[in-house]
Protein backbone atom coordinates (compact mmCIF):
# COMPACT_ATOMS: atom_id res chain seq x y z
CA MET A 1 0.00 0.00 0.00
CA ALA A 2 2.81 2.36 0.85
CA ASP A 3 4.43 1.67 -2.53
CA ILE A 4 1.19 2.55 -4.34
CA LEU A 5 0.84 5.83 -2.45
CA TRP A 6 4.45 6.67 -3.22
CA LYS A 7 3.94 6.06 -6.94
CA MET A 8 0.81 8.23 -6.96
CA ARG A 9 2.71 11.06 -5.31
CA ALA A 10 5.49 10.69 -7.85
CA MET A 11 2.99 10.96 -10.71
CA LEU A 12 1.63 14.19 -9.25
CA SER A 13 5.06 15.70 -8.68
CA SER A 14 6.21 18.68 -10.72
CA ASP A 15 8.75 16.68 -12.69
CA HIS A 16 6.23 14.10 -13.84
CA SER A 17 3.40 16.57 -14.40
CA SER A 18 5.37 18.14 -17.25
CA VAL A 19 5.43 14.78 -19.03
CA VAL A 20 1.64 14.48 -19.10
CA PRO A 21 1.03 17.45 -21.47
CA ILE A 22 3.75 16.21 -23.80
CA ASN A 23 2.14 12.77 -23.96
CA LEU A 24 -1.24 14.30 -24.73
CA PHE A 25 0.23 16.58 -27.38
CA VAL A 26 2.02 13.69 -29.10
CA ALA A 27 -1.24 11.72 -29.03
CA LEU A 28 -3.01 14.67 -30.66
CA LEU A 29 -0.32 14.78 -33.36
CA CYS A 30 -0.99 11.12 -34.10
CA ALA A 31 -4.71 11.83 -34.21
CA CYS A 32 -4.19 14.66 -36.71
CA ILE A 33 -2.19 12.35 -38.98
CA VAL A 34 -4.83 9.61 -38.83
CA ILE A 35 -7.71 12.02 -39.46
CA GLY A 36 -5.80 13.67 -42.28
CA HIS A 37 -5.28 10.26 -43.89
CA LEU A 38 -8.98 9.42 -43.62
CA LEU A 39 -9.87 12.73 -45.25
CA GLU A 40 -7.17 12.46 -47.94
CA GLU A 41 -9.61 11.71 -50.75
CA GLN A 42 -11.78 14.70 -49.92
CA ARG A 43 -8.88 17.19 -50.12
CA TRP A 44 -11.12 19.76 -48.48
CA MET A 45 -9.86 19.19 -44.96
CA ASN A 46 -6.09 19.12 -45.42
CA GLU A 47 -3.64 18.54 -42.57
CA SER A 48 -3.46 22.25 -41.69
CA ILE A 49 -7.22 22.66 -41.29
CA THR A 50 -7.46 19.27 -39.54
CA ALA A 51 -4.80 20.26 -36.98
CA LEU A 52 -6.53 23.61 -36.40
CA ALA A 53 -9.88 21.88 -35.84
CA VAL A 54 -8.37 19.32 -33.47
CA GLY A 55 -6.57 22.11 -31.62
CA LEU A 56 -9.76 24.11 -31.21
CA CYS A 57 -11.70 21.10 -29.93
CA THR A 58 -8.88 20.24 -27.54
CA GLY A 59 -8.77 23.83 -26.33
CA VAL A 60 -12.49 23.74 -25.55
CA VAL A 61 -12.09 20.50 -23.58
CA ILE A 62 -9.15 21.90 -21.60
CA LEU A 63 -11.09 25.08 -20.86
CA LEU A 64 -13.99 23.07 -19.48
CA THR A 65 -11.81 20.76 -17.40
CA THR A 66 -9.70 23.59 -15.92
CA GLY A 67 -12.62 25.86 -15.16
CA GLY A 68 -11.69 28.42 -17.80
CA LYS A 69 -8.12 28.91 -16.56
CA SER A 70 -6.19 27.53 -19.54
CA SER A 71 -6.79 26.22 -23.06
CA HIS A 72 -3.45 24.77 -24.14
CA LEU A 73 -1.05 22.07 -23.05
CA LEU A 74 2.18 23.86 -23.90
CA VAL A 75 3.12 27.51 -23.44
CA PHE A 76 3.96 29.30 -26.68
CA SER A 77 7.67 29.97 -27.03
CA GLU A 78 9.32 31.89 -29.84
CA ASP A 79 12.45 29.79 -29.38
CA LEU A 80 10.40 26.62 -29.84
CA PHE A 81 8.98 27.99 -33.08
CA PHE A 82 12.01 29.70 -34.62
CA ILE A 83 14.71 27.30 -33.40
CA TYR A 84 13.04 23.90 -33.63
CA LEU A 85 9.88 24.00 -35.78
CA LEU A 86 10.51 26.52 -38.56
CA PRO A 87 13.99 25.32 -39.77
CA PRO A 88 12.85 21.89 -41.04
CA ILE A 89 9.87 23.42 -42.85
CA ILE A 90 11.89 26.04 -44.70
CA PHE A 91 14.85 23.76 -45.38
CA ASN A 92 12.63 21.06 -46.85
CA ALA A 93 10.99 23.70 -49.07
CA GLY A 94 14.39 24.52 -50.55
CA PHE A 95 15.57 20.90 -50.59
CA GLN A 96 12.50 19.63 -52.46
CA VAL A 97 12.13 22.59 -54.82
CA LYS A 98 12.03 21.90 -58.54
CA LYS A 99 15.11 23.93 -59.40
CA LYS A 100 14.55 24.14 -63.15
CA GLN A 101 11.04 25.56 -62.74
CA PHE A 102 12.14 27.74 -59.83
CA PHE A 103 15.03 29.38 -61.65
CA ARG A 104 13.26 29.46 -65.01
CA ASN A 105 10.64 31.67 -63.37
CA PHE A 106 13.15 33.25 -61.00
CA MET A 107 12.51 36.84 -62.06
CA THR A 108 8.74 36.48 -61.70
CA ILE A 109 9.11 34.72 -58.34
CA MET A 110 11.39 37.47 -57.06
CA LEU A 111 8.97 40.10 -58.37
CA PHE A 112 6.12 38.53 -56.40
CA GLY A 113 8.15 37.36 -53.39
CA ALA A 114 10.38 40.40 -52.78
CA VAL A 115 8.96 43.42 -54.59
CA GLY A 116 5.39 42.27 -54.03
CA THR A 117 5.99 41.83 -50.31
CA LEU A 118 7.34 45.38 -50.09
CA ILE A 119 4.23 46.70 -51.84
CA SER A 120 1.95 44.63 -49.62
CA THR A 121 3.77 45.74 -46.46
CA ALA A 122 3.49 49.39 -47.44
CA THR A 123 -0.20 49.04 -48.31
CA ILE A 124 -1.10 47.28 -45.06
CA SER A 125 1.00 49.64 -42.94
CA ILE A 126 -0.57 52.75 -44.46
CA GLY A 127 -4.07 51.32 -44.12
CA ALA A 128 -3.49 50.21 -40.51
CA THR A 129 -2.14 53.64 -39.58
CA HIS A 130 -5.13 55.36 -41.17
CA PHE A 131 -7.84 53.20 -39.57
CA PHE A 132 -6.33 52.35 -36.19
CA LYS A 133 -5.51 55.95 -35.33
CA LYS A 134 -9.15 56.83 -35.91
CA MET A 135 -10.14 53.99 -33.56
CA ASN A 136 -7.85 55.39 -30.83
CA ILE A 137 -6.02 52.11 -30.21
CA SER A 138 -3.50 52.98 -27.53
CA SER A 139 0.12 51.82 -27.15
CA LEU A 140 0.70 51.48 -30.92
CA ARG A 141 3.75 53.33 -32.23
CA VAL A 142 5.17 53.94 -35.70
CA GLY A 143 7.26 50.78 -35.46
CA ASP A 144 4.16 48.79 -34.57
CA TYR A 145 2.30 49.98 -37.67
CA LEU A 146 5.25 49.07 -39.90
CA ALA A 147 5.55 45.71 -38.14
CA ILE A 148 1.84 45.06 -38.77
CA GLY A 149 2.51 45.44 -42.49
CA ALA A 150 5.33 42.87 -42.36
CA ILE A 151 3.36 40.49 -40.13
CA PHE A 152 0.30 40.33 -42.36
CA SER A 153 2.35 40.19 -45.57
CA ALA A 154 3.74 36.77 -44.61
CA THR A 155 1.67 34.26 -46.59
CA ASP A 156 0.94 30.60 -45.91
CA SER A 157 0.33 28.86 -49.22
CA VAL A 158 0.45 25.30 -47.82
CA CYS A 159 -3.30 24.82 -48.22
CA THR A 160 -3.24 25.88 -51.87
CA LEU A 161 -0.19 23.78 -52.72
CA GLN A 162 -1.97 20.73 -51.36
CA VAL A 163 -4.70 21.02 -54.00
CA LEU A 164 -2.60 22.33 -56.91
CA ASN A 165 -1.20 19.71 -59.28
CA GLN A 166 2.33 20.54 -60.35
CA ASP A 167 2.05 18.21 -63.35
CA GLU A 168 -1.11 19.86 -64.70
CA THR A 169 -0.18 23.45 -63.76
CA PRO A 170 3.62 23.51 -63.41
CA LEU A 171 3.94 27.25 -64.04
CA LEU A 172 1.33 28.17 -61.45
CA TYR A 173 2.65 25.67 -58.90
CA SER A 174 6.20 27.00 -59.34
CA LEU A 175 5.09 30.61 -58.90
CA VAL A 176 2.93 29.92 -55.83
CA PHE A 177 5.55 27.71 -54.20
CA GLY A 178 8.55 29.96 -54.90
CA GLU A 179 6.72 33.17 -54.11
CA GLY A 180 5.46 31.72 -50.81
CA VAL A 181 8.94 30.87 -49.54
CA VAL A 182 10.58 34.09 -50.74
CA ASN A 183 7.64 36.03 -49.31
CA ASP A 184 8.12 34.50 -45.84
CA ALA A 185 11.84 35.22 -45.91
CA THR A 186 11.30 38.79 -47.12
CA SER A 187 8.64 39.43 -44.48
CA VAL A 188 10.96 38.25 -41.69
CA VAL A 189 13.85 40.31 -43.10
CA LEU A 190 11.59 43.37 -43.25
CA PHE A 191 10.38 42.70 -39.71
CA HIS A 192 13.90 42.54 -38.30
CA ALA A 193 14.98 45.56 -40.34
CA ILE A 194 12.09 47.55 -38.86
CA GLN A 195 13.07 46.52 -35.35
CA SER A 196 16.73 47.40 -35.86
CA ILE A 197 16.32 51.07 -36.84
CA ASP A 198 15.36 54.11 -34.78
CA LEU A 199 11.90 55.25 -35.85
CA SER A 200 11.60 58.12 -33.37
CA HIS A 201 12.89 60.55 -35.99
CA ILE A 202 11.94 59.53 -39.53
CA ASN A 203 13.74 61.31 -42.36
CA SER A 204 15.56 60.53 -45.59
CA SER A 205 18.54 59.04 -43.75
CA THR A 206 16.19 56.69 -41.87
CA ALA A 207 14.75 55.44 -45.15
CA ALA A 208 18.25 54.92 -46.55
CA GLU A 209 19.26 53.06 -43.37
CA PHE A 210 16.17 50.87 -43.62
CA LEU A 211 16.88 50.00 -47.26
CA GLY A 212 20.53 49.32 -46.44
CA ASN A 213 19.62 46.99 -43.58
CA PHE A 214 17.13 45.17 -45.77
CA LEU A 215 19.63 44.61 -48.60
CA TYR A 216 22.37 43.63 -46.15
CA LEU A 217 20.20 41.04 -44.45
CA PHE A 218 18.87 39.69 -47.76
CA ILE A 219 22.25 39.36 -49.49
CA SER A 220 24.27 38.23 -46.46
CA SER A 221 21.70 35.59 -45.52
CA THR A 222 21.68 34.19 -49.04
CA ILE A 223 25.48 34.05 -49.22
CA LEU A 224 25.72 32.29 -45.85
CA GLY A 225 23.23 29.63 -46.94
CA VAL A 226 25.06 29.02 -50.22
CA VAL A 227 28.48 28.82 -48.52
CA THR A 228 27.23 26.37 -45.89
CA GLY A 229 25.65 24.17 -48.54
CA LEU A 230 28.81 24.18 -50.66
CA LEU A 231 30.93 23.36 -47.61
CA SER A 232 28.79 20.31 -46.84
CA ALA A 233 29.05 19.16 -50.47
CA TYR A 234 32.83 19.56 -50.51
CA ILE A 235 33.33 17.70 -47.22
CA ILE A 236 31.13 14.76 -48.20
CA LYS A 237 32.67 14.59 -51.70
CA LYS A 238 36.27 14.59 -50.47
CA LEU A 239 35.95 12.33 -47.43
CA TYR A 240 33.78 9.62 -49.04
CA PHE A 241 31.75 8.82 -45.92
CA GLY A 242 29.82 6.16 -47.81
CA ARG A 243 32.83 3.84 -47.82
CA HIS A 244 32.39 3.08 -44.13
CA SER A 245 29.05 4.38 -42.89
CA THR A 246 26.04 5.93 -44.52
CA ASP A 247 24.89 7.09 -41.09
CA ARG A 248 27.73 9.59 -40.92
CA GLU A 249 26.90 11.30 -44.20
CA VAL A 250 23.19 11.46 -43.34
CA ALA A 251 24.00 12.91 -39.91
CA LEU A 252 26.40 15.43 -41.45
CA MET A 253 23.79 16.61 -43.95
CA ILE A 254 21.20 17.11 -41.21
CA LEU A 255 23.62 18.88 -38.88
CA MET A 256 25.07 21.12 -41.59
CA ALA A 257 21.55 22.14 -42.61
CA TYR A 258 20.71 23.04 -39.03
CA LEU A 259 24.08 24.76 -38.60
CA SER A 260 23.28 27.15 -41.43
CA TYR A 261 20.13 28.25 -39.61
CA MET A 262 21.88 28.71 -36.27
CA LEU A 263 24.79 30.62 -37.83
CA ALA A 264 22.29 33.07 -39.32
CA GLU A 265 20.72 33.51 -35.88
CA LEU A 266 24.18 33.99 -34.38
CA PHE A 267 25.05 36.78 -36.82
CA TYR A 268 21.55 38.36 -36.64
CA LEU A 269 20.73 37.51 -40.25
CA SER A 270 17.59 36.08 -41.82
CA ALA A 271 17.76 32.42 -40.86
CA ILE A 272 14.77 31.58 -43.09
CA LEU A 273 16.53 32.83 -46.21
CA THR A 274 19.79 31.16 -45.18
CA VAL A 275 18.37 27.70 -44.61
CA PHE A 276 16.20 27.92 -47.75
CA PHE A 277 19.16 28.53 -50.07
CA CYS A 278 21.21 26.01 -48.11
CA GLY A 279 18.51 23.48 -48.96
CA ILE A 280 18.67 24.39 -52.66
CA VAL A 281 22.48 24.07 -52.75
CA MET A 282 22.43 20.78 -50.82
CA SER A 283 19.88 19.28 -53.21
CA HIS A 284 21.97 20.42 -56.18
CA TYR A 285 25.38 19.24 -54.95
CA THR A 286 25.47 17.44 -51.58
CA TRP A 287 22.54 15.12 -52.21
CA HIS A 288 24.22 13.68 -55.30
CA ASN A 289 27.48 13.02 -53.41
CA VAL A 290 25.98 10.55 -50.94
CA THR A 291 25.12 6.90 -51.50
CA GLU A 292 21.79 5.84 -52.93
CA SER A 293 20.50 4.62 -49.57
CA SER A 294 21.45 7.96 -47.99
CA ARG A 295 19.56 9.81 -50.72
CA ILE A 296 16.39 7.90 -49.91
CA THR A 297 16.92 8.38 -46.18
CA THR A 298 17.52 12.13 -46.35
CA LYS A 299 14.67 12.69 -48.79
CA HIS A 300 12.12 11.10 -46.49
CA ALA A 301 13.74 12.31 -43.25
CA PHE A 302 13.57 15.97 -44.23
CA ALA A 303 10.03 15.62 -45.59
CA THR A 304 8.82 13.83 -42.44
CA TRP A 305 10.47 16.34 -40.12
CA SER A 306 8.83 19.19 -42.01
CA PHE A 307 5.44 17.46 -42.04
CA VAL A 308 5.39 16.88 -38.28
CA ALA A 309 6.56 20.44 -37.58
CA GLU A 310 3.72 21.88 -39.69
CA ILE A 311 1.11 19.80 -37.87
CA PHE A 312 2.64 20.76 -34.52
CA ILE A 313 2.38 24.47 -35.34
CA PHE A 314 -1.23 24.41 -36.54
CA LEU A 315 -2.29 22.18 -33.65
CA TYR A 316 -0.88 24.66 -31.18
CA VAL A 317 -2.36 27.65 -33.00
CA GLY A 318 -5.79 26.01 -32.67
CA MET A 319 -5.38 25.56 -28.92
CA ASP A 320 -3.81 28.97 -28.35
CA ALA A 321 -6.71 30.65 -30.13
CA LEU A 322 -8.78 30.04 -26.99
CA ASP A 323 -6.17 31.36 -24.54
CA ILE A 324 -8.37 32.98 -21.91
CA GLU A 325 -5.69 35.43 -20.75
CA LYS A 326 -5.58 37.32 -24.04
CA TRP A 327 -9.35 37.36 -24.49
CA LYS A 328 -9.92 38.68 -20.96
CA VAL A 329 -7.94 41.84 -21.79
CA VAL A 330 -10.14 42.60 -24.81
CA SER A 331 -13.40 41.32 -23.32
CA ASP A 332 -14.48 44.86 -22.44
CA SER A 333 -14.37 45.90 -26.12
CA PRO A 334 -15.37 42.94 -28.32
CA GLY A 335 -16.62 45.27 -31.05
CA THR A 336 -13.17 46.85 -31.35
CA SER A 337 -11.50 43.46 -31.64
CA ILE A 338 -13.93 42.36 -34.36
CA MET A 339 -13.48 45.65 -36.22
CA VAL A 340 -9.67 45.38 -36.10
CA SER A 341 -9.79 41.81 -37.42
CA SER A 342 -12.14 42.84 -40.24
CA ILE A 343 -9.91 45.77 -41.20
CA LEU A 344 -6.83 43.55 -41.24
CA LEU A 345 -8.59 40.98 -43.45
CA GLY A 346 -9.62 43.74 -45.83
CA LEU A 347 -6.08 45.13 -45.91
CA VAL A 348 -4.71 41.66 -46.64
CA LEU A 349 -7.06 41.38 -49.63
CA VAL A 350 -6.18 44.84 -50.94
CA GLY A 351 -2.45 44.51 -50.24
CA ARG A 352 -2.30 41.24 -52.12
CA ALA A 353 -4.17 42.59 -55.12
CA ALA A 354 -2.00 45.73 -55.16
CA PHE A 355 0.97 43.78 -56.49
CA VAL A 356 -0.28 40.51 -58.00
CA PHE A 357 -2.14 42.01 -60.95
CA PRO A 358 0.28 44.88 -61.80
CA LEU A 359 3.37 42.67 -61.47
CA SER A 360 1.70 39.90 -63.50
CA PHE A 361 1.12 42.40 -66.29
CA LEU A 362 4.78 43.44 -66.11
CA SER A 363 5.92 39.81 -66.12
CA ASN A 364 3.80 38.99 -69.17
CA LEU A 365 5.64 41.66 -71.14
CA THR A 366 8.79 39.54 -70.86
CA LYS A 367 7.23 36.30 -72.14
CA LYS A 368 7.45 35.16 -75.72
CA PHE A 369 5.05 32.21 -75.76
CA GLN A 370 1.43 32.37 -74.71
CA TYR A 371 1.68 29.38 -72.35
CA GLU A 372 4.45 31.21 -70.45
CA LYS A 373 2.20 34.14 -69.67
CA ILE A 374 0.10 34.42 -66.54
CA GLY A 375 -3.57 34.51 -67.54
CA ILE A 376 -6.22 36.37 -65.61
CA LYS A 377 -7.54 33.12 -64.07
CA GLN A 378 -4.04 32.20 -62.94
CA GLN A 379 -3.60 35.68 -61.52
CA VAL A 380 -6.78 35.27 -59.48
CA THR A 381 -5.53 31.90 -58.22
CA ILE A 382 -2.14 33.38 -57.25
CA TRP A 383 -3.92 36.24 -55.50
CA TRP A 384 -6.15 33.79 -53.61
CA ALA A 385 -3.22 31.51 -52.71
CA GLY A 386 -1.51 34.33 -50.84
CA LEU A 387 -4.51 35.33 -48.73
CA MET A 388 -3.95 32.64 -46.10
CA ARG A 389 -1.90 33.56 -43.05
CA GLY A 390 -0.18 31.01 -40.83
CA ALA A 391 2.41 30.33 -38.20
CA VAL A 392 4.94 32.91 -39.41
CA SER A 393 2.42 35.70 -38.87
CA MET A 394 1.61 34.28 -35.44
CA ALA A 395 5.24 34.13 -34.38
CA LEU A 396 6.03 37.65 -35.61
CA ALA A 397 2.94 39.00 -33.84
CA TYR A 398 4.03 37.38 -30.58
CA ASN A 399 7.51 38.83 -31.05
CA GLN A 400 6.20 42.35 -31.58
CA PHE A 401 3.22 42.56 -29.24
CA THR A 402 4.14 40.47 -26.20
CA ARG A 403 6.05 41.54 -23.14
CA SER A 404 7.76 38.67 -21.35
CA GLY A 405 5.21 36.24 -22.79
CA HIS A 406 2.14 38.21 -21.60
CA THR A 407 -0.29 40.59 -23.25
CA HIS A 408 -1.31 42.95 -20.48
CA LEU A 409 -1.36 46.05 -22.69
CA HIS A 410 -4.77 46.58 -24.29
CA GLY A 411 -3.43 47.48 -27.74
CA ASN A 412 -1.04 44.52 -27.77
CA ALA A 413 -3.77 42.13 -26.69
CA ILE A 414 -6.04 43.37 -29.48
CA MET A 415 -3.31 42.81 -32.07
CA ILE A 416 -2.57 39.29 -30.79
CA THR A 417 -6.23 38.23 -30.74
CA SER A 418 -6.82 39.86 -34.13
CA THR A 419 -3.85 38.00 -35.59
CA ILE A 420 -5.26 34.72 -34.26
CA THR A 421 -8.66 35.56 -35.76
CA VAL A 422 -7.16 36.39 -39.16
CA VAL A 423 -5.06 33.20 -39.18
CA LEU A 424 -8.02 31.00 -38.25
CA PHE A 425 -10.46 32.65 -40.65
CA SER A 426 -8.08 32.75 -43.61
CA THR A 427 -6.82 29.19 -43.12
CA VAL A 428 -10.23 27.59 -42.62
CA VAL A 429 -12.52 29.69 -44.84
CA PHE A 430 -10.09 30.48 -47.66
CA GLY A 431 -8.61 26.97 -47.43
CA LEU A 432 -12.00 25.31 -47.84
CA ILE A 433 -12.86 27.47 -50.86
CA THR A 434 -9.51 26.89 -52.57
CA LYS A 435 -10.27 23.50 -54.12
CA PRO A 436 -13.56 24.43 -55.85
CA LEU A 437 -12.01 27.73 -56.93
CA VAL A 438 -9.04 25.97 -58.55
CA ARG A 439 -11.39 23.50 -60.27
CA ILE A 440 -13.44 26.33 -61.74
CA LEU A 441 -10.58 28.59 -62.79
CA LEU A 442 -7.98 26.00 -63.78
CA PRO A 443 -9.29 22.94 -65.61
CA SER A 444 -6.84 20.21 -66.56
CA GLN A 445 -4.12 21.46 -68.92
CA LYS A 446 -2.19 18.40 -70.02
CA HIS A 447 -0.74 20.11 -73.05
CA THR A 448 0.81 22.76 -70.86
CA ALA A 449 2.24 20.13 -68.56
CA SER A 450 4.03 18.48 -71.47
CA MET A 451 5.61 21.77 -72.47
CA LEU A 452 6.72 22.63 -68.96
CA SER A 453 7.84 19.35 -67.47
CA SER A 454 9.25 19.45 -63.99
CA GLU A 455 12.92 18.89 -63.26
CA PRO A 456 13.78 15.24 -62.68
CA SER A 457 17.14 15.83 -60.98
CA SER A 458 15.87 16.81 -57.55
CA PRO A 459 15.33 14.85 -54.35
CA LYS A 460 11.73 14.25 -55.47
CA SER A 461 12.93 12.06 -58.34
CA PHE A 462 15.76 9.61 -58.80
CA ALA A 463 15.91 9.74 -62.60
CA VAL A 464 19.22 11.04 -63.99
CA PRO A 465 18.74 12.90 -67.29
CA LEU A 466 21.44 13.32 -69.90
CA LEU A 467 23.34 16.55 -69.43
CA ILE A 468 24.22 16.79 -73.11
CA ARG A 469 20.60 16.60 -74.16
CA GLN A 470 19.53 19.33 -71.75
CA ASP A 471 22.33 21.61 -72.80
CA SER A 472 21.55 21.11 -76.48
CA GLU A 473 17.91 21.92 -75.81
CA ASP A 474 18.91 25.11 -74.03
CA ASP A 475 21.19 26.08 -76.90
CA GLN A 476 18.45 25.38 -79.45
CA ALA A 477 15.95 27.40 -77.44
CA SER A 478 18.36 30.30 -77.31
CA ASN A 479 18.92 30.17 -81.08
CA ASP A 480 15.18 30.14 -81.82
CA VAL A 481 14.45 33.35 -79.91
CA PRO A 482 12.98 35.86 -82.35
CA HIS A 483 13.56 39.60 -82.44
CA ARG A 484 12.06 41.31 -79.40
CA THR A 485 11.13 44.78 -78.47
CA SER A 486 13.60 46.79 -76.41
CA LEU A 487 11.55 46.47 -73.22
CA ARG A 488 11.06 42.72 -73.63
CA MET A 489 14.76 42.24 -74.45
CA PHE A 490 15.79 44.28 -71.43
CA LEU A 491 13.58 42.35 -69.03
CA SER A 492 13.64 38.80 -70.36
CA THR A 493 17.07 38.31 -71.95
CA PRO A 494 19.10 38.53 -68.71
CA SER A 495 17.24 35.63 -67.03
CA HIS A 496 17.76 33.32 -70.01
CA THR A 497 21.37 34.46 -70.42
CA VAL A 498 22.16 33.98 -66.74
CA HIS A 499 20.61 30.50 -66.77
CA HIS A 500 22.49 29.50 -69.92
CA TYR A 501 25.88 30.72 -68.75
CA TRP A 502 25.30 29.41 -65.24
CA ARG A 503 24.88 25.88 -66.59
CA LYS A 504 28.18 26.14 -68.42
CA PHE A 505 29.94 27.60 -65.39
CA ASP A 506 28.38 24.97 -63.14
CA ASN A 507 29.46 22.05 -65.34
CA SER A 508 32.95 23.44 -65.90
CA PHE A 509 33.92 24.73 -62.44
CA MET A 510 31.38 24.09 -59.67
CA ARG A 511 30.46 20.43 -60.12
CA PRO A 512 34.05 19.18 -60.56
CA VAL A 513 34.86 20.73 -57.17
CA PHE A 514 31.65 20.27 -55.18
CA GLY A 515 30.18 17.24 -56.93
CA GLY A 516 26.59 16.90 -58.07
CA ARG A 517 24.71 15.08 -60.78
CA GLY A 518 27.20 13.54 -63.21
CA PHE A 519 30.13 14.16 -60.85
CA VAL A 520 29.39 11.65 -58.10
CA PRO A 521 32.61 10.43 -56.44
CA PHE A 522 33.56 6.82 -57.10
CA VAL A 523 33.07 4.75 -53.94
CA PRO A 524 33.91 1.07 -54.49
CA CYS A 525 31.29 -1.43 -53.30
CA SER A 526 28.82 1.37 -52.53
CA PRO A 527 25.24 1.67 -53.83
CA THR A 528 26.39 4.48 -56.11
CA ASP A 529 29.10 2.38 -57.76
CA GLN A 530 27.02 1.21 -60.72
CA THR A 531 25.26 4.55 -61.07
CA VAL A 532 28.57 6.40 -61.33
CA GLN A 533 29.93 4.01 -63.96
CA GLN A 534 26.72 4.36 -65.96
CA TRP A 535 26.60 8.16 -66.12
CA GLN A 536 30.29 9.15 -66.14
């Protein structure tokens, strides 16, 4: 009897009580995966919406069992999000990207992802300043209004990508996917640039300092990611880890990917941008230097890690939406909270439209073939895909409007609750409408898919195409380009020229040093032995 009482006391101790929420949260993650699988054929309730729904239901149960004191199992932590959950999601986005489609549409993606984010941020910031000052929302400063623009410019296109078919609409899928990642990185860079400058005295020098900080963070973060990826490729190529242990080369790839993110945090750079380009470089060089079994392992390991992290984030967002502490602060003015959320949703719609349609028109001026142009239906789909807000917006809002993890200030509490409302509404409502909208606007286009086939030489495919054939096709395409107008030549020629000369530079200098497809090191008795002899 004494032993039983002792065990019961041990279960109720502080050390063991922390294990109970973790067990429940892991069980909820498993439930989200199972429910998502059962709803796979419907494609209406994807994993993001499923995790949100499960989180909301769990939050209601916890509220009832705790007497309205708490609604979540774990306390939100920015370190948990930015250090542990976000890196695998962004890295896998770069690692799995279809590089040919991404860089073929690189100028359009950068127009939407970088320039478009700047336009959206400015639009939302100006609108928030105009409306919120009239509503007399206290404790909001100039930096807060600029931060609001960056927070609500960060898109979450996961829901749309889950219903888009990259074989039927490769151009649209490439634009939505690439623009979504670049948009998140640009939003975070803008957010940190806003926080790093003194906004008490705004003048021309402040604007120049802001632009300088933005360019510094953007360029430095990209370079750091590329250098880290090349270093991993060089080490694995020279040391031939596959001769003795495939575990070592898999571990090194994972650790080097995570190191790139942490180095960016150490040097106060944009870790999202760094780890994204590190993923692209690793998939282009490092992934081809490891053994075949390691390729399969890393491909599925990164994808699984990213998948679980996404479910974790949306599950927590669903539970945190019912956090009673934040809602108590704004309970005296529910009309204000609803009005702020409605204004922010309207600004998101307007801010998105302010750059998608004008920049699409500008991009179409650079295209020679009709199938390369972005039609009005595709523009509407791209506009709709960027309306959903997710975990990045949540994390940035917590960073800007919390003080030591609490939201005692009325204005801060309103912004946090409004951000939660916008994320929930946009993810659920816009996400549910996405599939029928895509079916109506974008019927099957098999002829377009054949013209714009996706790249086979990425971690998503194990086919190894002939380099000579691809190069000859590029040369033929460049010779068949007709005479263009001065504007079209100015805008479109550089992207094709850069891609053409980059392939030659890559095959002549980069791949012999860092490895890659066609330059896999010879490792006797390894799974890559026959593959190397076949393609070299």
